[in-house]
Amino acid sequence: MDLDFVPGPVFANPVRTRADVDALVVPEDMATAVSYVPEIIKRLRCL
């Protein structure tokens, strides 16, 4: 999904229909696909 900030978040092709949802790709291994998320959460908890 392409995301731009003009001035706020704007998706090039927003998800609006059931077909759009069905077309989304969910990675098989989320821990690998978004491995940075646990680290970010850990850092935020320390604030």
C-alpha atoms as a PDB file:
ATOM      1  CA  MET A   1       0.000   0.000   0.000  1.00  0.00           C
ATOM      2  CA  ASP A   2       1.435   3.315  -1.063  1.00  0.00           C
ATOM      3  CA  LEU A   3       1.206   5.971   1.640  1.00  0.00           C
ATOM      4  CA  ASP A   4       1.890   9.669   1.272  1.00  0.00           C
ATOM      5  CA  PHE A   5       1.566  12.608   3.659  1.00  0.00           C
ATOM      6  CA  VAL A   6      -0.093  15.600   1.952  1.00  0.00           C
ATOM      7  CA  PRO A   7      -0.660  17.068   4.593  1.00  0.00           C
ATOM      8  CA  GLY A   8      -2.014  13.988   6.386  1.00  0.00           C
ATOM      9  CA  PRO A   9      -1.857  10.284   5.607  1.00  0.00           C
ATOM     10  CA  VAL A  10      -3.257   9.517   2.141  1.00  0.00           C
ATOM     11  CA  PHE A  11      -3.332   6.041   0.607  1.00  0.00           C
ATOM     12  CA  ALA A  12      -2.950   5.868  -3.173  1.00  0.00           C
ATOM     13  CA  ASN A  13      -5.483   3.025  -3.335  1.00  0.00           C
ATOM     14  CA  PRO A  14      -7.612   3.047  -0.163  1.00  0.00           C
ATOM     15  CA  VAL A  15      -9.301  -0.143   1.015  1.00  0.00           C
ATOM     16  CA  ARG A  16     -12.998   0.441   0.395  1.00  0.00           C
ATOM     17  CA  THR A  17     -14.583  -2.815  -0.706  1.00  0.00           C
ATOM     18  CA  ARG A  18     -14.600  -6.448   0.279  1.00  0.00           C
ATOM     19  CA  ALA A  19     -12.555  -7.166  -2.864  1.00  0.00           C
ATOM     20  CA  ASP A  20      -9.925  -4.666  -1.652  1.00  0.00           C
ATOM     21  CA  VAL A  21      -9.731  -6.491   1.688  1.00  0.00           C
ATOM     22  CA  ASP A  22      -9.456  -9.862  -0.032  1.00  0.00           C
ATOM     23  CA  ALA A  23      -6.595  -8.519  -2.163  1.00  0.00           C
ATOM     24  CA  LEU A  24      -4.488  -7.596   0.881  1.00  0.00           C
ATOM     25  CA  VAL A  25      -1.456  -9.808   1.416  1.00  0.00           C
ATOM     26  CA  VAL A  26      -0.827 -11.135   4.912  1.00  0.00           C
ATOM     27  CA  PRO A  27       2.736 -12.415   5.405  1.00  0.00           C
ATOM     28  CA  GLU A  28       3.071 -16.052   6.461  1.00  0.00           C
ATOM     29  CA  ASP A  29       5.531 -15.171   9.235  1.00  0.00           C
ATOM     30  CA  MET A  30       4.501 -11.910  10.870  1.00  0.00           C
ATOM     31  CA  ALA A  31       7.417 -12.037  13.320  1.00  0.00           C
ATOM     32  CA  THR A  32       9.837 -11.859  10.399  1.00  0.00           C
ATOM     33  CA  ALA A  33       7.780  -9.449   8.281  1.00  0.00           C
ATOM     34  CA  VAL A  34       7.476  -6.853  11.046  1.00  0.00           C
ATOM     35  CA  SER A  35      10.398  -7.762  13.266  1.00  0.00           C
ATOM     36  CA  TYR A  36      10.855  -4.094  14.223  1.00  0.00           C
ATOM     37  CA  VAL A  37       7.479  -3.860  16.015  1.00  0.00           C
ATOM     38  CA  PRO A  38       8.443  -5.662  19.266  1.00  0.00           C
ATOM     39  CA  GLU A  39      11.548  -3.463  19.547  1.00  0.00           C
ATOM     40  CA  ILE A  40       9.487  -0.294  19.094  1.00  0.00           C
ATOM     41  CA  ILE A  41       6.969  -1.426  21.718  1.00  0.00           C
ATOM     42  CA  LYS A  42       9.803  -2.230  24.123  1.00  0.00           C
ATOM     43  CA  ARG A  43      11.283   1.241  23.636  1.00  0.00           C
ATOM     44  CA  LEU A  44       7.933   2.957  24.105  1.00  0.00           C
ATOM     45  CA  ARG A  45       7.302   1.122  27.360  1.00  0.00           C
ATOM     46  CA  CYS A  46      10.576   2.505  28.712  1.00  0.00           C
ATOM     47  CA  LEU A  47       9.434   6.119  28.225  1.00  0.00           C
END
